PDB file of N, CA and C in Angstrom:
ATOM      1  N   MET A   1       0.855  -1.169   0.000  1.00  0.00           N
ATOM      2  CA  MET A   1       0.000   0.000   0.000  1.00  0.00           C
ATOM      3  C   MET A   1       0.908   1.241   0.000  1.00  0.00           C
ATOM      4  N   ILE A   2       0.560   2.206  -0.860  1.00  0.00           N
ATOM      5  CA  ILE A   2       1.270   3.486  -0.887  1.00  0.00           C
ATOM      6  C   ILE A   2       0.249   4.599  -0.651  1.00  0.00           C
ATOM      7  N   GLU A   3       0.747   5.780  -0.317  1.00  0.00           N
ATOM      8  CA  GLU A   3      -0.151   6.908  -0.089  1.00  0.00           C
ATOM      9  C   GLU A   3       0.285   8.100  -0.926  1.00  0.00           C
ATOM     10  N   LEU A   4      -0.706   8.788  -1.482  1.00  0.00           N
ATOM     11  CA  LEU A   4      -0.510  10.007  -2.259  1.00  0.00           C
ATOM     12  C   LEU A   4      -1.343  11.110  -1.619  1.00  0.00           C
ATOM     13  N   THR A   5      -1.077  12.329  -2.001  1.00  0.00           N
ATOM     14  CA  THR A   5      -1.956  13.432  -1.659  1.00  0.00           C
ATOM     15  C   THR A   5      -2.635  13.850  -2.956  1.00  0.00           C
ATOM     16  N   VAL A   6      -3.949  13.756  -3.003  1.00  0.00           N
ATOM     17  CA  VAL A   6      -4.714  14.068  -4.206  1.00  0.00           C
ATOM     18  C   VAL A   6      -5.607  15.265  -3.912  1.00  0.00           C
ATOM     19  N   ASN A   7      -5.326  16.374  -4.582  1.00  0.00           N
ATOM     20  CA  ASN A   7      -6.074  17.617  -4.363  1.00  0.00           C
ATOM     21  C   ASN A   7      -6.142  17.961  -2.875  1.00  0.00           C
ATOM     22  N   GLY A   8      -5.016  17.745  -2.182  1.00  0.00           N
ATOM     23  CA  GLY A   8      -4.908  18.114  -0.777  1.00  0.00           C
ATOM     24  C   GLY A   8      -5.370  17.071   0.219  1.00  0.00           C
ATOM     25  N   THR A   9      -5.855  15.923  -0.246  1.00  0.00           N
ATOM     26  CA  THR A   9      -6.380  14.878   0.632  1.00  0.00           C
ATOM     27  C   THR A   9      -5.542  13.610   0.500  1.00  0.00           C
ATOM     28  N   PRO A  10      -5.086  13.021   1.606  1.00  0.00           N
ATOM     29  CA  PRO A  10      -4.347  11.753   1.528  1.00  0.00           C
ATOM     30  C   PRO A  10      -5.230  10.641   0.953  1.00  0.00           C
ATOM     31  N   LYS A  11      -4.678   9.888   0.023  1.00  0.00           N
ATOM     32  CA  LYS A  11      -5.409   8.777  -0.611  1.00  0.00           C
ATOM     33  C   LYS A  11      -4.470   7.572  -0.719  1.00  0.00           C
ATOM     34  N   PRO A  12      -4.960   6.372  -0.386  1.00  0.00           N
ATOM     35  CA  PRO A  12      -4.152   5.162  -0.541  1.00  0.00           C
ATOM     36  C   PRO A  12      -4.296   4.571  -1.935  1.00  0.00           C
ATOM     37  N   LEU A  13      -3.252   3.902  -2.372  1.00  0.00           N
ATOM     38  CA  LEU A  13      -3.279   3.078  -3.589  1.00  0.00           C
ATOM     39  C   LEU A  13      -2.724   1.714  -3.203  1.00  0.00           C
ATOM     40  N   PRO A  14      -3.192   0.641  -3.847  1.00  0.00           N
ATOM     41  CA  PRO A  14      -2.736  -0.695  -3.476  1.00  0.00           C
ATOM     42  C   PRO A  14      -1.232  -0.924  -3.655  1.00  0.00           C
ATOM     43  N   ALA A  15      -0.635  -0.308  -4.678  1.00  0.00           N
ATOM     44  CA  ALA A  15       0.779  -0.559  -4.966  1.00  0.00           C
ATOM     45  C   ALA A  15       1.298   0.518  -5.915  1.00  0.00           C
ATOM     46  N   PRO A  16       2.620   0.649  -6.033  1.00  0.00           N
ATOM     47  CA  PRO A  16       3.160   1.560  -7.047  1.00  0.00           C
ATOM     48  C   PRO A  16       2.633   1.173  -8.428  1.00  0.00           C
ATOM     49  N   CYS A  17       2.445   2.175  -9.295  1.00  0.00           N
ATOM     50  CA  CYS A  17       1.897   1.916 -10.625  1.00  0.00           C
ATOM     51  C   CYS A  17       2.155   3.120 -11.522  1.00  0.00           C
ATOM     52  N   VAL A  18       1.741   3.019 -12.776  1.00  0.00           N
ATOM     53  CA  VAL A  18       1.850   4.166 -13.677  1.00  0.00           C
ATOM     54  C   VAL A  18       0.693   5.125 -13.399  1.00  0.00           C
ATOM     55  N   LEU A  19       0.858   6.360 -13.804  1.00  0.00           N
ATOM     56  CA  LEU A  19      -0.125   7.403 -13.543  1.00  0.00           C
ATOM     57  C   LEU A  19      -1.507   7.035 -14.072  1.00  0.00           C
ATOM     58  N   ARG A  20      -1.614   6.483 -15.278  1.00  0.00           N
ATOM     59  CA  ARG A  20      -2.914   6.101 -15.849  1.00  0.00           C
ATOM     60  C   ARG A  20      -3.667   5.169 -14.904  1.00  0.00           C
ATOM     61  N   LYS A  21      -2.994   4.143 -14.396  1.00  0.00           N
ATOM     62  CA  LYS A  21      -3.635   3.185 -13.487  1.00  0.00           C
ATOM     63  C   LYS A  21      -4.009   3.873 -12.175  1.00  0.00           C
ATOM     64  N   ALA A  22      -3.154   4.744 -11.664  1.00  0.00           N
ATOM     65  CA  ALA A  22      -3.462   5.475 -10.428  1.00  0.00           C
ATOM     66  C   ALA A  22      -4.721   6.314 -10.602  1.00  0.00           C
ATOM     67  N   LEU A  23      -4.821   7.016 -11.719  1.00  0.00           N
ATOM     68  CA  LEU A  23      -6.008   7.836 -11.981  1.00  0.00           C
ATOM     69  C   LEU A  23      -7.266   6.975 -12.044  1.00  0.00           C
ATOM     70  N   ASP A  24      -7.166   5.830 -12.703  1.00  0.00           N
ATOM     71  CA  ASP A  24      -8.307   4.912 -12.780  1.00  0.00           C
ATOM     72  C   ASP A  24      -8.693   4.433 -11.377  1.00  0.00           C
ATOM     73  N   GLU A  25      -7.703   4.034 -10.578  1.00  0.00           N
ATOM     74  CA  GLU A  25      -7.958   3.551  -9.212  1.00  0.00           C
ATOM     75  C   GLU A  25      -8.615   4.637  -8.359  1.00  0.00           C
ATOM     76  N   LEU A  26      -8.249   5.890  -8.603  1.00  0.00           N
ATOM     77  CA  LEU A  26      -8.777   7.011  -7.825  1.00  0.00           C
ATOM     78  C   LEU A  26     -10.118   7.519  -8.361  1.00  0.00           C
ATOM     79  N   GLY A  27     -10.602   6.942  -9.463  1.00  0.00           N
ATOM     80  CA  GLY A  27     -11.910   7.290  -9.997  1.00  0.00           C
ATOM     81  C   GLY A  27     -11.910   8.409 -11.025  1.00  0.00           C
ATOM     82  N   PHE A  28     -10.750   8.743 -11.575  1.00  0.00           N
ATOM     83  CA  PHE A  28     -10.676   9.785 -12.603  1.00  0.00           C
ATOM     84  C   PHE A  28     -10.614   9.121 -13.974  1.00  0.00           C
ATOM     85  N   GLN A  29     -11.746   9.098 -14.665  1.00  0.00           N
ATOM     86  CA  GLN A  29     -11.798   8.574 -16.023  1.00  0.00           C
ATOM     87  C   GLN A  29     -12.212   9.691 -16.964  1.00  0.00           C
ATOM     88  N   GLY A  30     -12.024   9.460 -18.247  1.00  0.00           N
ATOM     89  CA  GLY A  30     -12.391  10.451 -19.246  1.00  0.00           C
ATOM     90  C   GLY A  30     -11.196  11.313 -19.622  1.00  0.00           C
ATOM     91  N   ARG A  31     -11.459  12.362 -20.376  1.00  0.00           N
ATOM     92  CA  ARG A  31     -10.375  13.184 -20.898  1.00  0.00           C
ATOM     93  C   ARG A  31     -10.496  14.640 -20.467  1.00  0.00           C
ATOM     94  N   HIS A  32     -11.396  14.931 -19.553  1.00  0.00           N
ATOM     95  CA  HIS A  32     -11.669  16.327 -19.236  1.00  0.00           C
ATOM     96  C   HIS A  32     -11.016  16.765 -17.932  1.00  0.00           C
ATOM     97  N   PHE A  33      -9.710  16.525 -17.832  1.00  0.00           N
ATOM     98  CA  PHE A  33      -8.952  17.003 -16.688  1.00  0.00           C
ATOM     99  C   PHE A  33      -7.475  17.059 -17.051  1.00  0.00           C
ATOM    100  N   ALA A  34      -6.732  17.801 -16.254  1.00  0.00           N
ATOM    101  CA  ALA A  34      -5.274  17.885 -16.399  1.00  0.00           C
ATOM    102  C   ALA A  34      -4.674  17.450 -15.069  1.00  0.00           C
ATOM    103  N   VAL A  35      -3.432  16.978 -15.108  1.00  0.00           N
ATOM    104  CA  VAL A  35      -2.779  16.474 -13.898  1.00  0.00           C
ATOM    105  C   VAL A  35      -1.430  17.154 -13.716  1.00  0.00           C
ATOM    106  N   ALA A  36      -1.179  17.560 -12.474  1.00  0.00           N
ATOM    107  CA  ALA A  36       0.149  18.036 -12.076  1.00  0.00           C
ATOM    108  C   ALA A  36       0.614  17.140 -10.931  1.00  0.00           C
ATOM    109  N   ILE A  37       1.868  16.757 -10.975  1.00  0.00           N
ATOM    110  CA  ILE A  37       2.459  15.955  -9.906  1.00  0.00           C
ATOM    111  C   ILE A  37       3.597  16.764  -9.312  1.00  0.00           C
ATOM    112  N   ASN A  38       3.512  16.974  -8.003  1.00  0.00           N
ATOM    113  CA  ASN A  38       4.502  17.780  -7.288  1.00  0.00           C
ATOM    114  C   ASN A  38       4.706  19.128  -7.976  1.00  0.00           C
ATOM    115  N   GLY A  39       3.593  19.711  -8.439  1.00  0.00           N
ATOM    116  CA  GLY A  39       3.625  21.036  -9.046  1.00  0.00           C
ATOM    117  C   GLY A  39       4.030  21.073 -10.503  1.00  0.00           C
ATOM    118  N   ARG A  40       4.256  19.915 -11.122  1.00  0.00           N
ATOM    119  CA  ARG A  40       4.686  19.860 -12.520  1.00  0.00           C
ATOM    120  C   ARG A  40       3.606  19.210 -13.383  1.00  0.00           C
ATOM    121  N   PHE A  41       3.164  19.914 -14.425  1.00  0.00           N
ATOM    122  CA  PHE A  41       2.162  19.394 -15.355  1.00  0.00           C
ATOM    123  C   PHE A  41       2.690  18.131 -16.036  1.00  0.00           C
ATOM    124  N   VAL A  42       1.834  17.131 -16.157  1.00  0.00           N
ATOM    125  CA  VAL A  42       2.186  15.890 -16.853  1.00  0.00           C
ATOM    126  C   VAL A  42       1.316  15.797 -18.097  1.00  0.00           C
ATOM    127  N   PRO A  43       1.918  15.838 -19.294  1.00  0.00           N
ATOM    128  CA  PRO A  43       1.134  15.704 -20.526  1.00  0.00           C
ATOM    129  C   PRO A  43       0.433  14.340 -20.587  1.00  0.00           C
ATOM    130  N   ARG A  44      -0.757  14.324 -21.146  1.00  0.00           N
ATOM    131  CA  ARG A  44      -1.567  13.106 -21.230  1.00  0.00           C
ATOM    132  C   ARG A  44      -0.801  11.946 -21.878  1.00  0.00           C
ATOM    133  N   HIS A  45       0.016  12.230 -22.877  1.00  0.00           N
ATOM    134  CA  HIS A  45       0.726  11.140 -23.558  1.00  0.00           C
ATOM    135  C   HIS A  45       1.786  10.483 -22.660  1.00  0.00           C
ATOM    136  N   GLN A  46       2.069  11.064 -21.496  1.00  0.00           N
ATOM    137  CA  GLN A  46       3.046  10.470 -20.569  1.00  0.00           C
ATOM    138  C   GLN A  46       2.390   9.682 -19.436  1.00  0.00           C
ATOM    139  N   TYR A  47       1.065   9.630 -19.389  1.00  0.00           N
ATOM    140  CA  TYR A  47       0.371   8.948 -18.290  1.00  0.00           C
ATOM    141  C   TYR A  47       0.754   7.472 -18.184  1.00  0.00           C
ATOM    142  N   GLU A  48       1.008   6.812 -19.300  1.00  0.00           N
ATOM    143  CA  GLU A  48       1.365   5.383 -19.281  1.00  0.00           C
ATOM    144  C   GLU A  48       2.820   5.145 -18.872  1.00  0.00           C
ATOM    145  N   ALA A  49       3.658   6.165 -18.933  1.00  0.00           N
ATOM    146  CA  ALA A  49       5.073   6.002 -18.629  1.00  0.00           C
ATOM    147  C   ALA A  49       5.475   6.616 -17.282  1.00  0.00           C
ATOM    148  N   PHE A  50       4.630   7.467 -16.708  1.00  0.00           N
ATOM    149  CA  PHE A  50       4.979   8.162 -15.469  1.00  0.00           C
ATOM    150  C   PHE A  50       4.669   7.258 -14.282  1.00  0.00           C
ATOM    151  N   HIS A  51       5.689   6.884 -13.522  1.00  0.00           N
ATOM    152  CA  HIS A  51       5.526   5.951 -12.407  1.00  0.00           C
ATOM    153  C   HIS A  51       5.213   6.679 -11.101  1.00  0.00           C
ATOM    154  N   ILE A  52       4.216   6.171 -10.387  1.00  0.00           N
ATOM    155  CA  ILE A  52       3.822   6.662  -9.075  1.00  0.00           C
ATOM    156  C   ILE A  52       4.388   5.691  -8.046  1.00  0.00           C
ATOM    157  N   GLU A  53       5.217   6.195  -7.145  1.00  0.00           N
ATOM    158  CA  GLU A  53       5.871   5.341  -6.154  1.00  0.00           C
ATOM    159  C   GLU A  53       5.314   5.543  -4.745  1.00  0.00           C
ATOM    160  N   GLY A  54       4.601   6.639  -4.530  1.00  0.00           N
ATOM    161  CA  GLY A  54       4.092   6.965  -3.200  1.00  0.00           C
ATOM    162  C   GLY A  54       4.735   8.253  -2.706  1.00  0.00           C
ATOM    163  N   GLY A  55       3.981   9.042  -1.982  1.00  0.00           N
ATOM    164  CA  GLY A  55       4.480  10.301  -1.461  1.00  0.00           C
ATOM    165  C   GLY A  55       4.280  11.485  -2.388  1.00  0.00           C
ATOM    166  N   GLU A  56       3.825  11.246  -3.609  1.00  0.00           N
ATOM    167  CA  GLU A  56       3.610  12.336  -4.554  1.00  0.00           C
ATOM    168  C   GLU A  56       2.376  13.149  -4.182  1.00  0.00           C
ATOM    169  N   ALA A  57       2.369  14.405  -4.621  1.00  0.00           N
ATOM    170  CA  ALA A  57       1.194  15.267  -4.499  1.00  0.00           C
ATOM    171  C   ALA A  57       0.605  15.436  -5.888  1.00  0.00           C
ATOM    172  N   LEU A  58      -0.600  14.911  -6.095  1.00  0.00           N
ATOM    173  CA  LEU A  58      -1.300  15.021  -7.371  1.00  0.00           C
ATOM    174  C   LEU A  58      -2.344  16.124  -7.279  1.00  0.00           C
ATOM    175  N   GLU A  59      -2.408  16.934  -8.298  1.00  0.00           N
ATOM    176  CA  GLU A  59      -3.490  17.891  -8.451  1.00  0.00           C
ATOM    177  C   GLU A  59      -4.198  17.513  -9.733  1.00  0.00           C
ATOM    178  N   VAL A  60      -5.472  17.197  -9.633  1.00  0.00           N
ATOM    179  CA  VAL A  60      -6.280  16.854 -10.801  1.00  0.00           C
ATOM    180  C   VAL A  60      -7.228  18.021 -11.007  1.00  0.00           C
ATOM    181  N   LEU A  61      -7.091  18.676 -12.151  1.00  0.00           N
ATOM    182  CA  LEU A  61      -7.807  19.908 -12.437  1.00  0.00           C
ATOM    183  C   LEU A  61      -8.808  19.704 -13.563  1.00  0.00           C
ATOM    184  N   SER A  62     -10.040  20.103 -13.317  1.00  0.00           N
ATOM    185  CA  SER A  62     -11.098  20.025 -14.333  1.00  0.00           C
ATOM    186  C   SER A  62     -11.355  21.413 -14.894  1.00  0.00           C
ATOM    187  N   PRO A  63     -11.657  21.510 -16.185  1.00  0.00           N
ATOM    188  CA  PRO A  63     -11.973  22.826 -16.749  1.00  0.00           C
ATOM    189  C   PRO A  63     -13.291  23.338 -16.177  1.00  0.00           C
ATOM    190  N   MET A  64     -13.364  24.653 -16.042  1.00  0.00           N
ATOM    191  CA  MET A  64     -14.592  25.283 -15.549  1.00  0.00           C
ATOM    192  C   MET A  64     -15.141  26.207 -16.627  1.00  0.00           C
ATOM    193  N   GLN A  65     -16.449  26.268 -16.725  1.00  0.00           N
ATOM    194  CA  GLN A  65     -17.081  27.161 -17.683  1.00  0.00           C
ATOM    195  C   GLN A  65     -17.579  28.401 -16.944  1.00  0.00           C
ATOM    196  N   GLY A  66     -17.758  29.426 -17.696  1.00  0.00           N
ATOM    197  CA  GLY A  66     -18.270  30.659 -17.112  1.00  0.00           C
ATOM    198  C   GLY A  66     -17.199  31.736 -17.110  1.00  0.00           C
ATOM    199  N   GLY A  67     -17.503  32.819 -16.475  1.00  0.00           N
ATOM    200  CA  GLY A  67     -16.505  33.875 -16.482  1.00  0.00           C
ATOM    201  C   GLY A  67     -16.689  34.853 -15.396  1.00  0.00           C
TER     202      GLY A  67
END
């Protein structure tokens, strides 16, 4: 078991994994969000290669409409 901070809240994951699997495990599906890890934006094409080991801070950002 590893732990991450997701949008300011501690969240467990069963094991280290790639970012795509972590997002799926955390309930983030679809294409309408952006991800930053430890303050650094991660392009969508890197989700399958970016490894989550535990201790990272993830920010998952959804677009907002309006002005």
